[in-house]
Amino acid sequence: DDMTAVIQPIPVHSDVASRVSTTRETVAR
């Protein structure tokens, strides 16, 4: 609806960190 989004499964912090070249701690923060 261009207002909300439901992301499943929940993004794993280490996966996000790997994609954007940062640390899991940064993603968690």
mmCIF file of all heavy atoms, coordinates in Angstrom:
data_MODEL
# 
_entry.id   MODEL 
# 
loop_
_atom_site.group_PDB 
_atom_site.id 
_atom_site.type_symbol 
_atom_site.label_atom_id 
_atom_site.label_alt_id 
_atom_site.label_comp_id 
_atom_site.label_asym_id 
_atom_site.label_entity_id 
_atom_site.label_seq_id 
_atom_site.pdbx_PDB_ins_code 
_atom_site.Cartn_x 
_atom_site.Cartn_y 
_atom_site.Cartn_z 
_atom_site.occupancy 
_atom_site.B_iso_or_equiv 
_atom_site.pdbx_formal_charge 
_atom_site.auth_seq_id 
_atom_site.auth_comp_id 
_atom_site.auth_asym_id 
_atom_site.auth_atom_id 
_atom_site.pdbx_PDB_model_num 
ATOM 1   N N   . ASP A 1 1  ? 0.811  -1.214  0.000  1.00 0.00 ? 1  ASP A N   1 
ATOM 2   C CA  . ASP A 1 1  ? 0.000  0.000   0.000  1.00 0.00 ? 1  ASP A CA  1 
ATOM 3   C C   . ASP A 1 1  ? 0.845  1.265   0.000  1.00 0.00 ? 1  ASP A C   1 
ATOM 4   O O   . ASP A 1 1  ? 0.341  2.353   0.228  1.00 0.00 ? 1  ASP A O   1 
ATOM 5   C CB  . ASP A 1 1  ? -0.946 0.016   1.201  1.00 0.00 ? 1  ASP A CB  1 
ATOM 6   C CG  . ASP A 1 1  ? -0.200 -0.086  2.537  1.00 0.00 ? 1  ASP A CG  1 
ATOM 7   O OD1 . ASP A 1 1  ? 1.046  0.011   2.531  1.00 0.00 ? 1  ASP A OD1 1 
ATOM 8   O OD2 . ASP A 1 1  ? -0.867 -0.273  3.556  1.00 0.00 ? 1  ASP A OD2 1 
ATOM 9   N N   . ASP A 1 2  ? 2.156  1.101   -0.246 1.00 0.00 ? 2  ASP A N   1 
ATOM 10  C CA  . ASP A 1 2  ? 3.098  2.228   -0.287 1.00 0.00 ? 2  ASP A CA  1 
ATOM 11  C C   . ASP A 1 2  ? 3.274  2.926   1.056  1.00 0.00 ? 2  ASP A C   1 
ATOM 12  O O   . ASP A 1 2  ? 3.898  3.970   1.130  1.00 0.00 ? 2  ASP A O   1 
ATOM 13  C CB  . ASP A 1 2  ? 2.677  3.268   -1.343 1.00 0.00 ? 2  ASP A CB  1 
ATOM 14  C CG  . ASP A 1 2  ? 2.759  2.722   -2.754 1.00 0.00 ? 2  ASP A CG  1 
ATOM 15  O OD1 . ASP A 1 2  ? 3.639  1.875   -2.993 1.00 0.00 ? 2  ASP A OD1 1 
ATOM 16  O OD2 . ASP A 1 2  ? 1.955  3.135   -3.592 1.00 0.00 ? 2  ASP A OD2 1 
ATOM 17  N N   . MET A 1 3  ? 2.724  2.363   2.109  1.00 0.00 ? 3  MET A N   1 
ATOM 18  C CA  . MET A 1 3  ? 2.860  2.971   3.429  1.00 0.00 ? 3  MET A CA  1 
ATOM 19  C C   . MET A 1 3  ? 3.559  2.035   4.412  1.00 0.00 ? 3  MET A C   1 
ATOM 20  O O   . MET A 1 3  ? 4.338  2.467   5.244  1.00 0.00 ? 3  MET A O   1 
ATOM 21  C CB  . MET A 1 3  ? 1.472  3.351   3.978  1.00 0.00 ? 3  MET A CB  1 
ATOM 22  C CG  . MET A 1 3  ? 0.794  4.466   3.177  1.00 0.00 ? 3  MET A CG  1 
ATOM 23  S SD  . MET A 1 3  ? 1.726  6.015   3.205  1.00 0.00 ? 3  MET A SD  1 
ATOM 24  C CE  . MET A 1 3  ? 1.590  6.446   4.937  1.00 0.00 ? 3  MET A CE  1 
ATOM 25  N N   . THR A 1 4  ? 3.251  0.741   4.323  1.00 0.00 ? 4  THR A N   1 
ATOM 26  C CA  . THR A 1 4  ? 3.854  -0.244  5.221  1.00 0.00 ? 4  THR A CA  1 
ATOM 27  C C   . THR A 1 4  ? 4.386  -1.415  4.399  1.00 0.00 ? 4  THR A C   1 
ATOM 28  O O   . THR A 1 4  ? 4.009  -1.613  3.246  1.00 0.00 ? 4  THR A O   1 
ATOM 29  C CB  . THR A 1 4  ? 2.837  -0.759  6.248  1.00 0.00 ? 4  THR A CB  1 
ATOM 30  O OG1 . THR A 1 4  ? 1.758  -1.415  5.552  1.00 0.00 ? 4  THR A OG1 1 
ATOM 31  C CG2 . THR A 1 4  ? 2.282  0.368   7.089  1.00 0.00 ? 4  THR A CG2 1 
ATOM 32  N N   . ALA A 1 5  ? 5.256  -2.193  5.031  1.00 0.00 ? 5  ALA A N   1 
ATOM 33  C CA  . ALA A 1 5  ? 5.796  -3.392  4.386  1.00 0.00 ? 5  ALA A CA  1 
ATOM 34  C C   . ALA A 1 5  ? 6.066  -4.429  5.467  1.00 0.00 ? 5  ALA A C   1 
ATOM 35  O O   . ALA A 1 5  ? 6.511  -4.093  6.568  1.00 0.00 ? 5  ALA A O   1 
ATOM 36  C CB  . ALA A 1 5  ? 7.069  -3.069  3.619  1.00 0.00 ? 5  ALA A CB  1 
ATOM 37  N N   . VAL A 1 6  ? 5.801  -5.670  5.150  1.00 0.00 ? 6  VAL A N   1 
ATOM 38  C CA  . VAL A 1 6  ? 6.047  -6.772  6.076  1.00 0.00 ? 6  VAL A CA  1 
ATOM 39  C C   . VAL A 1 6  ? 7.141  -7.649  5.484  1.00 0.00 ? 6  VAL A C   1 
ATOM 40  O O   . VAL A 1 6  ? 6.946  -8.299  4.459  1.00 0.00 ? 6  VAL A O   1 
ATOM 41  C CB  . VAL A 1 6  ? 4.777  -7.602  6.319  1.00 0.00 ? 6  VAL A CB  1 
ATOM 42  C CG1 . VAL A 1 6  ? 5.067  -8.754  7.277  1.00 0.00 ? 6  VAL A CG1 1 
ATOM 43  C CG2 . VAL A 1 6  ? 3.654  -6.717  6.870  1.00 0.00 ? 6  VAL A CG2 1 
ATOM 44  N N   . ILE A 1 7  ? 8.309  -7.633  6.119  1.00 0.00 ? 7  ILE A N   1 
ATOM 45  C CA  . ILE A 1 7  ? 9.466  -8.365  5.621  1.00 0.00 ? 7  ILE A CA  1 
ATOM 46  C C   . ILE A 1 7  ? 9.582  -9.682  6.371  1.00 0.00 ? 7  ILE A C   1 
ATOM 47  O O   . ILE A 1 7  ? 9.745  -9.704  7.589  1.00 0.00 ? 7  ILE A O   1 
ATOM 48  C CB  . ILE A 1 7  ? 10.748 -7.534  5.801  1.00 0.00 ? 7  ILE A CB  1 
ATOM 49  C CG1 . ILE A 1 7  ? 10.620 -6.190  5.077  1.00 0.00 ? 7  ILE A CG1 1 
ATOM 50  C CG2 . ILE A 1 7  ? 11.956 -8.299  5.282  1.00 0.00 ? 7  ILE A CG2 1 
ATOM 51  C CD1 . ILE A 1 7  ? 11.767 -5.239  5.363  1.00 0.00 ? 7  ILE A CD1 1 
ATOM 52  N N   . GLN A 1 8  ? 9.468  -10.777 5.627  1.00 0.00 ? 8  GLN A N   1 
ATOM 53  C CA  . GLN A 1 8  ? 9.585  -12.111 6.206  1.00 0.00 ? 8  GLN A CA  1 
ATOM 54  C C   . GLN A 1 8  ? 10.572 -12.942 5.393  1.00 0.00 ? 8  GLN A C   1 
ATOM 55  O O   . GLN A 1 8  ? 10.517 -12.903 4.156  1.00 0.00 ? 8  GLN A O   1 
ATOM 56  C CB  . GLN A 1 8  ? 8.227  -12.815 6.225  1.00 0.00 ? 8  GLN A CB  1 
ATOM 57  C CG  . GLN A 1 8  ? 7.202  -12.184 7.163  1.00 0.00 ? 8  GLN A CG  1 
ATOM 58  C CD  . GLN A 1 8  ? 5.871  -12.890 7.082  1.00 0.00 ? 8  GLN A CD  1 
ATOM 59  O OE1 . GLN A 1 8  ? 5.256  -12.912 6.012  1.00 0.00 ? 8  GLN A OE1 1 
ATOM 60  N NE2 . GLN A 1 8  ? 5.426  -13.459 8.194  1.00 0.00 ? 8  GLN A NE2 1 
ATOM 61  N N   . PRO A 1 9  ? 11.430 -13.699 6.052  1.00 0.00 ? 9  PRO A N   1 
ATOM 62  C CA  . PRO A 1 9  ? 11.676 -13.699 7.493  1.00 0.00 ? 9  PRO A CA  1 
ATOM 63  C C   . PRO A 1 9  ? 12.369 -12.405 7.927  1.00 0.00 ? 9  PRO A C   1 
ATOM 64  O O   . PRO A 1 9  ? 12.763 -11.601 7.083  1.00 0.00 ? 9  PRO A O   1 
ATOM 65  C CB  . PRO A 1 9  ? 12.588 -14.912 7.685  1.00 0.00 ? 9  PRO A CB  1 
ATOM 66  C CG  . PRO A 1 9  ? 13.316 -15.021 6.381  1.00 0.00 ? 9  PRO A CG  1 
ATOM 67  C CD  . PRO A 1 9  ? 12.318 -14.629 5.333  1.00 0.00 ? 9  PRO A CD  1 
ATOM 68  N N   . ILE A 1 10 ? 12.513 -12.224 9.217  1.00 0.00 ? 10 ILE A N   1 
ATOM 69  C CA  . ILE A 1 10 ? 13.191 -11.035 9.731  1.00 0.00 ? 10 ILE A CA  1 
ATOM 70  C C   . ILE A 1 10 ? 14.631 -11.016 9.220  1.00 0.00 ? 10 ILE A C   1 
ATOM 71  O O   . ILE A 1 10 ? 15.333 -12.029 9.289  1.00 0.00 ? 10 ILE A O   1 
ATOM 72  C CB  . ILE A 1 10 ? 13.182 -11.047 11.276 1.00 0.00 ? 10 ILE A CB  1 
ATOM 73  C CG1 . ILE A 1 10 ? 11.738 -10.965 11.795 1.00 0.00 ? 10 ILE A CG1 1 
ATOM 74  C CG2 . ILE A 1 10 ? 14.010 -9.901  11.834 1.00 0.00 ? 10 ILE A CG2 1 
ATOM 75  C CD1 . ILE A 1 10 ? 11.606 -11.154 13.292 1.00 0.00 ? 10 ILE A CD1 1 
ATOM 76  N N   . PRO A 1 11 ? 15.080 -9.896  8.675  1.00 0.00 ? 11 PRO A N   1 
ATOM 77  C CA  . PRO A 1 11 ? 16.458 -9.829  8.164  1.00 0.00 ? 11 PRO A CA  1 
ATOM 78  C C   . PRO A 1 11 ? 17.480 -10.169 9.246  1.00 0.00 ? 11 PRO A C   1 
ATOM 79  O O   . PRO A 1 11 ? 17.414 -9.651  10.363 1.00 0.00 ? 11 PRO A O   1 
ATOM 80  C CB  . PRO A 1 11 ? 16.591 -8.367  7.719  1.00 0.00 ? 11 PRO A CB  1 
ATOM 81  C CG  . PRO A 1 11 ? 15.191 -7.915  7.451  1.00 0.00 ? 11 PRO A CG  1 
ATOM 82  C CD  . PRO A 1 11 ? 14.343 -8.637  8.461  1.00 0.00 ? 11 PRO A CD  1 
ATOM 83  N N   . VAL A 1 12 ? 18.392 -11.054 8.915  1.00 0.00 ? 12 VAL A N   1 
ATOM 84  C CA  . VAL A 1 12 ? 19.466 -11.429 9.841  1.00 0.00 ? 12 VAL A CA  1 
ATOM 85  C C   . VAL A 1 12 ? 20.530 -10.324 9.820  1.00 0.00 ? 12 VAL A C   1 
ATOM 86  O O   . VAL A 1 12 ? 20.962 -9.891  8.748  1.00 0.00 ? 12 VAL A O   1 
ATOM 87  C CB  . VAL A 1 12 ? 20.095 -12.774 9.427  1.00 0.00 ? 12 VAL A CB  1 
ATOM 88  C CG1 . VAL A 1 12 ? 21.248 -13.143 10.353 1.00 0.00 ? 12 VAL A CG1 1 
ATOM 89  C CG2 . VAL A 1 12 ? 19.027 -13.873 9.421  1.00 0.00 ? 12 VAL A CG2 1 
ATOM 90  N N   . HIS A 1 13 ? 20.913 -9.863  10.987 1.00 0.00 ? 13 HIS A N   1 
ATOM 91  C CA  . HIS A 1 13 ? 21.844 -8.731  11.070 1.00 0.00 ? 13 HIS A CA  1 
ATOM 92  C C   . HIS A 1 13 ? 23.145 -8.998  10.323 1.00 0.00 ? 13 HIS A C   1 
ATOM 93  O O   . HIS A 1 13 ? 23.693 -8.109  9.658  1.00 0.00 ? 13 HIS A O   1 
ATOM 94  C CB  . HIS A 1 13 ? 22.130 -8.393  12.533 1.00 0.00 ? 13 HIS A CB  1 
ATOM 95  C CG  . HIS A 1 13 ? 20.958 -7.768  13.226 1.00 0.00 ? 13 HIS A CG  1 
ATOM 96  N ND1 . HIS A 1 13 ? 20.963 -7.453  14.568 1.00 0.00 ? 13 HIS A ND1 1 
ATOM 97  C CD2 . HIS A 1 13 ? 19.732 -7.406  12.767 1.00 0.00 ? 13 HIS A CD2 1 
ATOM 98  C CE1 . HIS A 1 13 ? 19.799 -6.911  14.902 1.00 0.00 ? 13 HIS A CE1 1 
ATOM 99  N NE2 . HIS A 1 13 ? 19.044 -6.882  13.830 1.00 0.00 ? 13 HIS A NE2 1 
ATOM 100 N N   . SER A 1 14 ? 23.656 -10.222 10.427 1.00 0.00 ? 14 SER A N   1 
ATOM 101 C CA  . SER A 1 14 ? 24.914 -10.535 9.747  1.00 0.00 ? 14 SER A CA  1 
ATOM 102 C C   . SER A 1 14 ? 24.745 -10.489 8.232  1.00 0.00 ? 14 SER A C   1 
ATOM 103 O O   . SER A 1 14 ? 25.683 -10.113 7.510  1.00 0.00 ? 14 SER A O   1 
ATOM 104 C CB  . SER A 1 14 ? 25.434 -11.901 10.186 1.00 0.00 ? 14 SER A CB  1 
ATOM 105 O OG  . SER A 1 14 ? 24.486 -12.925 9.894  1.00 0.00 ? 14 SER A OG  1 
ATOM 106 N N   . ASP A 1 15 ? 23.558 -10.858 7.733  1.00 0.00 ? 15 ASP A N   1 
ATOM 107 C CA  . ASP A 1 15 ? 23.303 -10.800 6.288  1.00 0.00 ? 15 ASP A CA  1 
ATOM 108 C C   . ASP A 1 15 ? 23.255 -9.355  5.806  1.00 0.00 ? 15 ASP A C   1 
ATOM 109 O O   . ASP A 1 15 ? 23.815 -9.021  4.753  1.00 0.00 ? 15 ASP A O   1 
ATOM 110 C CB  . ASP A 1 15 ? 21.981 -11.488 5.951  1.00 0.00 ? 15 ASP A CB  1 
ATOM 111 C CG  . ASP A 1 15 ? 22.044 -12.996 6.144  1.00 0.00 ? 15 ASP A CG  1 
ATOM 112 O OD1 . ASP A 1 15 ? 23.162 -13.528 6.299  1.00 0.00 ? 15 ASP A OD1 1 
ATOM 113 O OD2 . ASP A 1 15 ? 20.975 -13.648 6.131  1.00 0.00 ? 15 ASP A OD2 1 
ATOM 114 N N   . VAL A 1 16 ? 22.576 -8.503  6.557  1.00 0.00 ? 16 VAL A N   1 
ATOM 115 C CA  . VAL A 1 16 ? 22.518 -7.085  6.201  1.00 0.00 ? 16 VAL A CA  1 
ATOM 116 C C   . VAL A 1 16 ? 23.929 -6.498  6.224  1.00 0.00 ? 16 VAL A C   1 
ATOM 117 O O   . VAL A 1 16 ? 24.329 -5.773  5.303  1.00 0.00 ? 16 VAL A O   1 
ATOM 118 C CB  . VAL A 1 16 ? 21.598 -6.306  7.159  1.00 0.00 ? 16 VAL A CB  1 
ATOM 119 C CG1 . VAL A 1 16 ? 21.616 -4.809  6.823  1.00 0.00 ? 16 VAL A CG1 1 
ATOM 120 C CG2 . VAL A 1 16 ? 20.173 -6.847  7.085  1.00 0.00 ? 16 VAL A CG2 1 
ATOM 121 N N   . ALA A 1 17 ? 24.680 -6.817  7.261  1.00 0.00 ? 17 ALA A N   1 
ATOM 122 C CA  . ALA A 1 17 ? 26.049 -6.308  7.384  1.00 0.00 ? 17 ALA A CA  1 
ATOM 123 C C   . ALA A 1 17 ? 26.904 -6.731  6.192  1.00 0.00 ? 17 ALA A C   1 
ATOM 124 O O   . ALA A 1 17 ? 27.706 -5.949  5.676  1.00 0.00 ? 17 ALA A O   1 
ATOM 125 C CB  . ALA A 1 17 ? 26.678 -6.799  8.694  1.00 0.00 ? 17 ALA A CB  1 
ATOM 126 N N   . SER A 1 18 ? 26.708 -7.959  5.736  1.00 0.00 ? 18 SER A N   1 
ATOM 127 C CA  . SER A 1 18 ? 27.475 -8.459  4.595  1.00 0.00 ? 18 SER A CA  1 
ATOM 128 C C   . SER A 1 18 ? 27.120 -7.714  3.314  1.00 0.00 ? 18 SER A C   1 
ATOM 129 O O   . SER A 1 18 ? 27.988 -7.443  2.486  1.00 0.00 ? 18 SER A O   1 
ATOM 130 C CB  . SER A 1 18 ? 27.219 -9.960  4.412  1.00 0.00 ? 18 SER A CB  1 
ATOM 131 O OG  . SER A 1 18 ? 27.883 -10.464 3.280  1.00 0.00 ? 18 SER A OG  1 
ATOM 132 N N   . ARG A 1 19 ? 25.850 -7.362  3.169  1.00 0.00 ? 19 ARG A N   1 
ATOM 133 C CA  . ARG A 1 19 ? 25.430 -6.658  1.959  1.00 0.00 ? 19 ARG A CA  1 
ATOM 134 C C   . ARG A 1 19 ? 25.927 -5.217  1.919  1.00 0.00 ? 19 ARG A C   1 
ATOM 135 O O   . ARG A 1 19 ? 26.226 -4.689  0.841  1.00 0.00 ? 19 ARG A O   1 
ATOM 136 C CB  . ARG A 1 19 ? 23.898 -6.678  1.832  1.00 0.00 ? 19 ARG A CB  1 
ATOM 137 C CG  . ARG A 1 19 ? 23.309 -8.000  1.418  1.00 0.00 ? 19 ARG A CG  1 
ATOM 138 C CD  . ARG A 1 19 ? 21.860 -7.856  0.987  1.00 0.00 ? 19 ARG A CD  1 
ATOM 139 N NE  . ARG A 1 19 ? 20.989 -7.422  2.059  1.00 0.00 ? 19 ARG A NE  1 
ATOM 140 C CZ  . ARG A 1 19 ? 20.349 -8.249  2.880  1.00 0.00 ? 19 ARG A CZ  1 
ATOM 141 N NH1 . ARG A 1 19 ? 20.523 -9.563  2.765  1.00 0.00 ? 19 ARG A NH1 1 
ATOM 142 N NH2 . ARG A 1 19 ? 19.553 -7.788  3.823  1.00 0.00 ? 19 ARG A NH2 1 
ATOM 143 N N   . VAL A 1 20 ? 25.988 -4.559  3.066  1.00 0.00 ? 20 VAL A N   1 
ATOM 144 C CA  . VAL A 1 20 ? 26.300 -3.126  3.067  1.00 0.00 ? 20 VAL A CA  1 
ATOM 145 C C   . VAL A 1 20 ? 27.691 -2.821  3.619  1.00 0.00 ? 20 VAL A C   1 
ATOM 146 O O   . VAL A 1 20 ? 28.035 -1.665  3.839  1.00 0.00 ? 20 VAL A O   1 
ATOM 147 C CB  . VAL A 1 20 ? 25.240 -2.322  3.859  1.00 0.00 ? 20 VAL A CB  1 
ATOM 148 C CG1 . VAL A 1 20 ? 23.859 -2.577  3.287  1.00 0.00 ? 20 VAL A CG1 1 
ATOM 149 C CG2 . VAL A 1 20 ? 25.280 -2.645  5.344  1.00 0.00 ? 20 VAL A CG2 1 
ATOM 150 N N   . SER A 1 21 ? 28.482 -3.854  3.840  1.00 0.00 ? 21 SER A N   1 
ATOM 151 C CA  . SER A 1 21 ? 29.876 -3.696  4.270  1.00 0.00 ? 21 SER A CA  1 
ATOM 152 C C   . SER A 1 21 ? 29.990 -2.935  5.587  1.00 0.00 ? 21 SER A C   1 
ATOM 153 O O   . SER A 1 21 ? 30.610 -1.869  5.682  1.00 0.00 ? 21 SER A O   1 
ATOM 154 C CB  . SER A 1 21 ? 30.697 -2.981  3.187  1.00 0.00 ? 21 SER A CB  1 
ATOM 155 O OG  . SER A 1 21 ? 32.075 -3.025  3.491  1.00 0.00 ? 21 SER A OG  1 
ATOM 156 N N   . THR A 1 22 ? 29.365 -3.510  6.622  1.00 0.00 ? 22 THR A N   1 
ATOM 157 C CA  . THR A 1 22 ? 29.496 -2.937  7.959  1.00 0.00 ? 22 THR A CA  1 
ATOM 158 C C   . THR A 1 22 ? 29.489 -4.092  8.959  1.00 0.00 ? 22 THR A C   1 
ATOM 159 O O   . THR A 1 22 ? 29.721 -5.247  8.582  1.00 0.00 ? 22 THR A O   1 
ATOM 160 C CB  . THR A 1 22 ? 28.379 -1.918  8.242  1.00 0.00 ? 22 THR A CB  1 
ATOM 161 O OG1 . THR A 1 22 ? 28.647 -1.252  9.481  1.00 0.00 ? 22 THR A OG1 1 
ATOM 162 C CG2 . THR A 1 22 ? 27.015 -2.568  8.309  1.00 0.00 ? 22 THR A CG2 1 
ATOM 163 N N   . THR A 1 23 ? 29.252 -3.808  10.236 1.00 0.00 ? 23 THR A N   1 
ATOM 164 C CA  . THR A 1 23 ? 29.277 -4.839  11.271 1.00 0.00 ? 23 THR A CA  1 
ATOM 165 C C   . THR A 1 23 ? 27.877 -5.159  11.755 1.00 0.00 ? 23 THR A C   1 
ATOM 166 O O   . THR A 1 23 ? 26.943 -4.356  11.601 1.00 0.00 ? 23 THR A O   1 
ATOM 167 C CB  . THR A 1 23 ? 30.111 -4.382  12.471 1.00 0.00 ? 23 THR A CB  1 
ATOM 168 O OG1 . THR A 1 23 ? 29.465 -3.233  13.079 1.00 0.00 ? 23 THR A OG1 1 
ATOM 169 C CG2 . THR A 1 23 ? 31.520 -3.993  12.039 1.00 0.00 ? 23 THR A CG2 1 
ATOM 170 N N   . ARG A 1 24 ? 27.726 -6.346  12.338 1.00 0.00 ? 24 ARG A N   1 
ATOM 171 C CA  . ARG A 1 24 ? 26.427 -6.728  12.913 1.00 0.00 ? 24 ARG A CA  1 
ATOM 172 C C   . ARG A 1 24 ? 26.016 -5.759  14.015 1.00 0.00 ? 24 ARG A C   1 
ATOM 173 O O   . ARG A 1 24 ? 24.825 -5.463  14.167 1.00 0.00 ? 24 ARG A O   1 
ATOM 174 C CB  . ARG A 1 24 ? 26.510 -8.150  13.474 1.00 0.00 ? 24 ARG A CB  1 
ATOM 175 C CG  . ARG A 1 24 ? 26.559 -9.230  12.402 1.00 0.00 ? 24 ARG A CG  1 
ATOM 176 C CD  . ARG A 1 24 ? 26.734 -10.601 12.999 1.00 0.00 ? 24 ARG A CD  1 
ATOM 177 N NE  . ARG A 1 24 ? 28.054 -10.741 13.612 1.00 0.00 ? 24 ARG A NE  1 
ATOM 178 C CZ  . ARG A 1 24 ? 28.475 -11.832 14.238 1.00 0.00 ? 24 ARG A CZ  1 
ATOM 179 N NH1 . ARG A 1 24 ? 27.691 -12.876 14.349 1.00 0.00 ? 24 ARG A NH1 1 
ATOM 180 N NH2 . ARG A 1 24 ? 29.690 -11.878 14.768 1.00 0.00 ? 24 ARG A NH2 1 
ATOM 181 N N   . GLU A 1 25 ? 26.997 -5.275  14.766 1.00 0.00 ? 25 GLU A N   1 
ATOM 182 C CA  . GLU A 1 25 ? 26.687 -4.344  15.854 1.00 0.00 ? 25 GLU A CA  1 
ATOM 183 C C   . GLU A 1 25 ? 26.090 -3.049  15.312 1.00 0.00 ? 25 GLU A C   1 
ATOM 184 O O   . GLU A 1 25 ? 25.138 -2.495  15.900 1.00 0.00 ? 25 GLU A O   1 
ATOM 185 C CB  . GLU A 1 25 ? 27.951 -4.049  16.660 1.00 0.00 ? 25 GLU A CB  1 
ATOM 186 C CG  . GLU A 1 25 ? 28.503 -5.220  17.456 1.00 0.00 ? 25 GLU A CG  1 
ATOM 187 C CD  . GLU A 1 25 ? 29.225 -6.256  16.600 1.00 0.00 ? 25 GLU A CD  1 
ATOM 188 O OE1 . GLU A 1 25 ? 29.546 -5.943  15.424 1.00 0.00 ? 25 GLU A OE1 1 
ATOM 189 O OE2 . GLU A 1 25 ? 29.447 -7.374  17.100 1.00 0.00 ? 25 GLU A OE2 1 
ATOM 190 N N   . THR A 1 26 ? 26.623 -2.568  14.196 1.00 0.00 ? 26 THR A N   1 
ATOM 191 C CA  . THR A 1 26 ? 26.077 -1.359  13.584 1.00 0.00 ? 26 THR A CA  1 
ATOM 192 C C   . THR A 1 26 ? 24.652 -1.593  13.115 1.00 0.00 ? 26 THR A C   1 
ATOM 193 O O   . THR A 1 26 ? 23.764 -0.748  13.328 1.00 0.00 ? 26 THR A O   1 
ATOM 194 C CB  . THR A 1 26 ? 26.955 -0.919  12.394 1.00 0.00 ? 26 THR A CB  1 
ATOM 195 O OG1 . THR A 1 26 ? 28.252 -0.575  12.874 1.00 0.00 ? 26 THR A OG1 1 
ATOM 196 C CG2 . THR A 1 26 ? 26.338 0.284   11.684 1.00 0.00 ? 26 THR A CG2 1 
ATOM 197 N N   . VAL A 1 27 ? 24.411 -2.736  12.486 1.00 0.00 ? 27 VAL A N   1 
ATOM 198 C CA  . VAL A 1 27 ? 23.054 -3.052  12.014 1.00 0.00 ? 27 VAL A CA  1 
ATOM 199 C C   . VAL A 1 27 ? 22.090 -3.110  13.192 1.00 0.00 ? 27 VAL A C   1 
ATOM 200 O O   . VAL A 1 27 ? 20.990 -2.549  13.140 1.00 0.00 ? 27 VAL A O   1 
ATOM 201 C CB  . VAL A 1 27 ? 23.043 -4.378  11.240 1.00 0.00 ? 27 VAL A CB  1 
ATOM 202 C CG1 . VAL A 1 27 ? 21.608 -4.753  10.849 1.00 0.00 ? 27 VAL A CG1 1 
ATOM 203 C CG2 . VAL A 1 27 ? 23.922 -4.289  9.999  1.00 0.00 ? 27 VAL A CG2 1 
ATOM 204 N N   . ALA A 1 28 ? 22.487 -3.774  14.279 1.00 0.00 ? 28 ALA A N   1 
ATOM 205 C CA  . ALA A 1 28 ? 21.629 -3.878  15.458 1.00 0.00 ? 28 ALA A CA  1 
ATOM 206 C C   . ALA A 1 28 ? 21.321 -2.496  16.027 1.00 0.00 ? 28 ALA A C   1 
ATOM 207 O O   . ALA A 1 28 ? 20.170 -2.208  16.410 1.00 0.00 ? 28 ALA A O   1 
ATOM 208 C CB  . ALA A 1 28 ? 22.298 -4.754  16.513 1.00 0.00 ? 28 ALA A CB  1 
ATOM 209 N N   . ARG A 1 29 ? 22.320 -1.625  16.070 1.00 0.00 ? 29 ARG A N   1 
ATOM 210 C CA  . ARG A 1 29 ? 22.112 -0.275  16.607 1.00 0.00 ? 29 ARG A CA  1 
ATOM 211 C C   . ARG A 1 29 ? 21.148 0.522   15.727 1.00 0.00 ? 29 ARG A C   1 
ATOM 212 O O   . ARG A 1 29 ? 20.251 1.213   16.236 1.00 0.00 ? 29 ARG A O   1 
ATOM 213 C CB  . ARG A 1 29 ? 23.455 0.446   16.716 1.00 0.00 ? 29 ARG A CB  1 
ATOM 214 C CG  . ARG A 1 29 ? 23.351 1.821   17.372 1.00 0.00 ? 29 ARG A CG  1 
ATOM 215 C CD  . ARG A 1 29 ? 24.709 2.457   17.568 1.00 0.00 ? 29 ARG A CD  1 
ATOM 216 N NE  . ARG A 1 29 ? 25.354 2.771   16.300 1.00 0.00 ? 29 ARG A NE  1 
ATOM 217 C CZ  . ARG A 1 29 ? 26.405 2.113   15.817 1.00 0.00 ? 29 ARG A CZ  1 
ATOM 218 N NH1 . ARG A 1 29 ? 26.937 1.101   16.489 1.00 0.00 ? 29 ARG A NH1 1 
ATOM 219 N NH2 . ARG A 1 29 ? 26.939 2.462   14.657 1.00 0.00 ? 29 ARG A NH2 1 
# 
